[in-house]
Protein backbone atom coordinates (compact mmCIF):
# COMPACT_ATOMS: atom_id res chain seq x y z
CA MET A 1 -126.33 -89.68 30.40
CA ASN A 2 -123.81 -92.12 28.99
CA TYR A 3 -120.93 -91.18 31.28
CA ALA A 4 -118.58 -93.79 29.83
CA LEU A 5 -118.96 -92.17 26.41
CA ILE A 6 -118.58 -88.68 27.87
CA ARG A 7 -115.33 -89.73 29.54
CA TRP A 8 -113.93 -91.10 26.26
CA LEU A 9 -114.95 -87.98 24.34
CA ALA A 10 -113.61 -85.61 27.00
CA VAL A 11 -110.22 -87.35 26.98
CA ALA A 12 -110.05 -87.36 23.18
CA ALA A 13 -111.02 -83.68 22.99
CA MET A 14 -108.43 -82.81 25.65
CA VAL A 15 -105.65 -84.54 23.71
CA VAL A 16 -106.66 -82.77 20.49
CA ASP A 17 -106.76 -79.42 22.29
CA HIS A 18 -103.43 -79.83 24.05
CA VAL A 19 -101.54 -81.16 21.03
CA THR A 20 -102.93 -78.33 18.92
CA ALA A 21 -102.03 -75.72 21.55
CA VAL A 22 -98.46 -76.99 21.93
CA TYR A 23 -97.83 -77.23 18.19
CA ASP A 24 -99.79 -74.08 17.27
CA GLY A 25 -102.21 -76.00 15.10
CA SER A 26 -105.53 -75.32 13.43
CA ILE A 27 -108.12 -73.12 15.08
CA TRP A 28 -110.73 -75.71 14.05
CA LEU A 29 -108.97 -78.36 16.11
CA ARG A 30 -108.96 -75.99 19.08
CA MET A 31 -112.72 -75.77 18.65
CA VAL A 32 -112.95 -79.56 18.83
CA GLY A 33 -110.94 -79.37 22.03
CA ARG A 34 -113.63 -77.24 23.66
CA ALA A 35 -115.60 -80.44 24.30
CA ALA A 36 -113.16 -81.45 27.05
CA ILE A 37 -114.02 -79.07 29.90
CA PRO A 38 -117.83 -79.52 29.81
CA GLY A 39 -117.20 -83.26 29.81
CA PHE A 40 -114.97 -83.01 32.88
CA PHE A 41 -117.51 -80.86 34.71
CA LEU A 42 -120.35 -83.30 33.97
CA LEU A 43 -118.20 -86.21 35.15
CA LEU A 44 -117.33 -84.31 38.33
CA LEU A 45 -120.97 -83.67 39.25
CA ASN A 46 -121.79 -87.31 38.61
CA GLY A 47 -118.78 -88.43 40.64
CA LEU A 48 -119.76 -86.19 43.56
CA ARG A 49 -123.19 -87.79 43.71
CA HIS A 50 -121.81 -91.32 43.76
CA THR A 51 -118.51 -91.11 45.64
CA ARG A 52 -118.22 -93.04 48.90
CA SER A 53 -115.77 -90.53 50.34
CA ALA A 54 -115.54 -86.92 49.17
CA PRO A 55 -112.24 -86.33 51.06
CA ASP A 56 -110.62 -89.32 49.33
CA TYR A 57 -112.01 -88.19 45.98
CA SER A 58 -110.63 -84.69 46.49
CA LEU A 59 -107.24 -85.99 47.63
CA ARG A 60 -106.86 -88.16 44.52
CA LEU A 61 -107.67 -85.23 42.27
CA PHE A 62 -105.29 -82.97 44.20
CA CYS A 63 -102.37 -85.43 44.02
CA PHE A 64 -102.72 -85.85 40.26
CA ALA A 65 -103.11 -82.08 39.88
CA VAL A 66 -99.81 -81.54 41.70
CA MET A 67 -98.08 -84.15 39.51
CA ALA A 68 -99.43 -82.55 36.34
CA GLN A 69 -98.76 -78.89 37.17
CA PRO A 70 -95.04 -78.69 36.18
CA PHE A 71 -95.81 -80.28 32.81
CA TYR A 72 -98.90 -78.08 32.41
CA TYR A 73 -96.75 -74.98 32.85
CA LEU A 74 -94.03 -76.25 30.52
CA CYS A 75 -96.63 -77.01 27.85
CA PHE A 76 -98.65 -73.82 27.98
CA GLY A 77 -96.66 -71.30 30.03
CA VAL A 78 -99.77 -69.85 31.69
CA PRO A 79 -99.74 -68.63 35.32
CA ARG A 80 -102.73 -70.75 36.26
CA LEU A 81 -103.42 -74.06 37.98
CA ASN A 82 -104.66 -76.94 35.84
CA ILE A 83 -108.24 -78.21 35.65
CA LEU A 84 -107.68 -80.96 38.24
CA PHE A 85 -107.10 -78.30 40.91
CA THR A 86 -110.49 -76.81 40.02
CA LEU A 87 -112.17 -80.20 40.30
CA SER A 88 -110.42 -80.96 43.59
CA LEU A 89 -111.48 -77.61 45.04
CA VAL A 90 -115.12 -78.22 44.11
CA VAL A 91 -115.09 -81.62 45.83
CA THR A 92 -113.35 -80.21 48.92
CA LEU A 93 -115.77 -77.30 49.30
CA SER A 94 -118.74 -79.63 48.82
CA THR A 95 -117.98 -80.97 52.32
CA PHE A 96 -118.00 -77.47 53.91
CA ASN A 97 -120.98 -75.55 55.25
CA TRP A 98 -122.24 -72.67 53.12
CA ARG A 99 -120.56 -69.97 55.20
CA SER A 100 -117.15 -71.60 54.85
CA CYS A 101 -117.75 -72.15 51.12
CA LEU A 102 -118.69 -68.53 50.63
CA ALA A 103 -115.64 -67.32 52.56
CA CYS A 104 -113.33 -69.52 50.45
CA LEU A 105 -114.93 -68.40 47.18
CA LEU A 106 -114.74 -64.73 48.13
CA THR A 107 -111.08 -65.14 49.08
CA LEU A 108 -110.38 -66.82 45.74
CA ALA A 109 -112.30 -64.13 43.84
CA VAL A 110 -110.44 -61.30 45.58
CA GLY A 111 -107.12 -63.02 44.87
CA GLU A 112 -108.03 -63.40 41.20
CA PHE A 113 -109.06 -59.76 40.97
CA ALA A 114 -105.77 -58.73 42.56
CA VAL A 115 -103.57 -60.72 40.17
CA GLY A 116 -105.76 -60.02 37.14
CA HIS A 117 -106.40 -63.59 36.07
CA SER A 118 -108.05 -66.77 37.30
CA VAL A 119 -105.98 -68.84 39.72
CA CYS A 120 -107.36 -72.12 38.37
CA GLU A 121 -109.39 -73.09 35.28
CA GLY A 122 -112.74 -71.30 35.57
CA GLY A 123 -111.78 -69.63 38.82
CA ALA A 124 -114.17 -68.74 41.61
CA ILE A 125 -117.16 -68.41 39.27
CA ALA A 126 -116.92 -71.93 37.84
CA VAL A 127 -116.26 -73.44 41.27
CA GLY A 128 -119.21 -71.57 42.77
CA VAL A 129 -121.61 -72.52 39.98
CA LEU A 130 -120.70 -76.21 40.22
CA LEU A 131 -121.11 -76.16 44.00
CA VAL A 132 -124.55 -74.56 43.75
CA ALA A 133 -125.58 -77.08 41.09
CA TYR A 134 -124.48 -79.97 43.31
CA ALA A 135 -125.92 -78.63 46.57
CA HIS A 136 -129.31 -77.70 45.13
CA ARG A 137 -129.58 -80.58 42.64
CA LEU A 138 -129.88 -78.21 39.70
CA PRO A 139 -129.92 -79.60 36.15
CA ASP A 140 -126.35 -80.39 35.14
CA VAL A 141 -126.35 -79.04 31.59
CA PRO A 142 -127.32 -75.38 32.30
CA ALA A 143 -124.98 -75.27 35.30
CA VAL A 144 -122.06 -76.70 33.35
CA ALA A 145 -122.77 -74.28 30.49
CA VAL A 146 -122.39 -71.33 32.88
CA ALA A 147 -119.27 -72.87 34.45
CA CYS A 148 -117.72 -73.39 31.00
CA MET A 149 -118.41 -69.80 30.04
CA ALA A 150 -116.61 -68.72 33.21
CA VAL A 151 -113.48 -70.52 31.98
CA TYR A 152 -113.29 -68.25 28.93
CA LEU A 153 -114.91 -65.05 30.18
CA TRP A 154 -111.90 -64.15 32.34
CA PRO A 155 -110.27 -61.79 31.65
CA VAL A 156 -112.76 -59.52 29.89
CA ALA A 157 -110.42 -59.37 26.90
CA SER A 158 -111.21 -63.01 26.15
CA LEU A 159 -114.75 -61.94 25.25
CA LEU A 160 -113.20 -61.39 21.84
CA ASP A 161 -112.58 -65.14 21.66
CA TRP A 162 -116.29 -65.77 21.15
CA TRP A 163 -115.64 -69.09 19.43
CA PHE A 164 -113.98 -70.43 22.60
CA ILE A 165 -117.14 -69.66 24.53
CA ILE A 166 -119.59 -71.04 21.96
CA PHE A 167 -117.67 -74.24 21.35
CA SER A 168 -117.36 -74.90 25.07
CA VAL A 169 -121.16 -74.96 25.37
CA VAL A 170 -122.18 -76.61 22.08
CA PRO A 171 -120.92 -80.12 23.09
CA LEU A 172 -123.40 -80.12 25.98
CA GLY A 173 -126.18 -80.58 23.42
CA PHE A 174 -124.61 -83.85 22.30
CA TYR A 175 -123.76 -84.93 25.83
CA SER A 176 -127.41 -84.45 26.79
CA TYR A 177 -128.40 -87.15 24.30
CA SER A 178 -125.44 -89.43 24.89
CA HIS A 179 -127.76 -91.97 26.52
CA LEU A 180 -129.00 -92.81 23.03
CA VAL A 181 -125.54 -94.07 22.08
CA PRO A 182 -124.68 -97.70 22.98
CA GLN A 183 -122.60 -98.10 26.12
CA MET A 184 -118.83 -98.14 25.65
CA PRO A 185 -116.18 -99.83 27.81
CA ARG A 186 -115.50 -97.69 30.86
CA ILE A 187 -112.10 -96.12 31.43
CA ARG A 188 -110.95 -97.16 34.89
CA SER A 189 -110.79 -94.18 37.24
CA ASP A 190 -107.14 -94.70 38.11
CA LEU A 191 -106.15 -94.81 34.42
CA PHE A 192 -108.27 -91.74 33.79
CA TYR A 193 -106.44 -89.80 36.50
CA TRP A 194 -102.98 -91.02 35.49
CA PHE A 195 -103.56 -90.10 31.87
CA TYR A 196 -103.68 -86.38 32.62
CA PRO A 197 -100.11 -85.89 33.95
CA VAL A 198 -98.68 -88.61 31.70
CA HIS A 199 -99.99 -87.12 28.45
CA LEU A 200 -98.72 -83.67 29.46
CA ALA A 201 -95.30 -85.12 30.24
CA ALA A 202 -95.31 -86.86 26.84
CA LEU A 203 -96.12 -83.55 25.14
CA VAL A 204 -93.23 -81.83 26.94
CA VAL A 205 -90.81 -84.55 25.82
CA ALA A 206 -92.15 -84.57 22.25
CA GLU A 207 -91.92 -80.79 21.98
CA TRP A 208 -88.37 -80.80 23.33
CA TRP A 209 -87.37 -83.64 20.99
CA SER A 210 -88.74 -81.83 17.93
CA ARG A 211 -86.65 -78.70 18.46
């Protein structure tokens, strides 16, 4: 896959999705934004396979997740942790043995059932699917498709939002053939991480300024 292109597209889709969500924009633009999460999941699996230090990788994701969370809540007002927490948890659990992983996932699942919503984007199901895909070297695209569906299949009421589910999986078809597109300049990892909290902070300021 052309991971440089996937990174660019995931970032662009994320910005479209977040701007549209904050300003209550077109449903069609929200559909475009569905390309972000499958892109992030593909990049995570690739990063896990090539990282020199999973603990360092997880810590970087966690730090940026913590920085972004206040702005994430101010933007969207949802009682859930942002996507970087999900990615950080996957990387952290990838260093555990299977018994510890299972215990953590069951604890997360029980907690989510108790509060009635996912604790982080995709919740225990998405984290578990990505871990299984990484540990057993399963094909990325089917695994990411299931993980993306988990993001929108909780709670059950969101089954009515069928377009969220479909348009989170459709981009994987394009990503699968991204190797046919010429290579693009890579976004440096540090800039990629910084962009997440910074763009959310910018949205908070812009929304406040426009009142």
